[in-house]
Amino acid sequence: MSAAPSGSGSPFKKNAELWDPACQRAEAAGILVLDCTSHQGFVAPSYYDSREPEDVAKVTPGFPGWPAKRVSQRLHVPCSPRTTAEAYKKGELSV
């Protein structure tokens, strides 16, 4: 899940309270759940250089246009470039 579906800072309002119990049930069943929540997950967003996507040394923590303020001790997972438009800021589409 390349999003923060619950907790503080989550952009989602509808059904957000269902995420944490669903994760707990999945983990109790032996399913590894990966999400970008700060209170539960252990992955963090990052993006790679589109000119050299195979060069992991050029991966940047954070989102395009919103670099991470600090590098966390989490597993940084590339989440760009997107194949569909996505709004990181209201009214601004990224592709």
Foldseek 3Di string as FASTA:
>chain_A
DAAALEDPPGPDDPPSVVPVVVCVVCVVVVHDDAYCHPVDHQEFEWAADPVCRPPPVRIFTDDVVGGDPDDDPGHYDYDDDDPDWDDPDPPDTHD
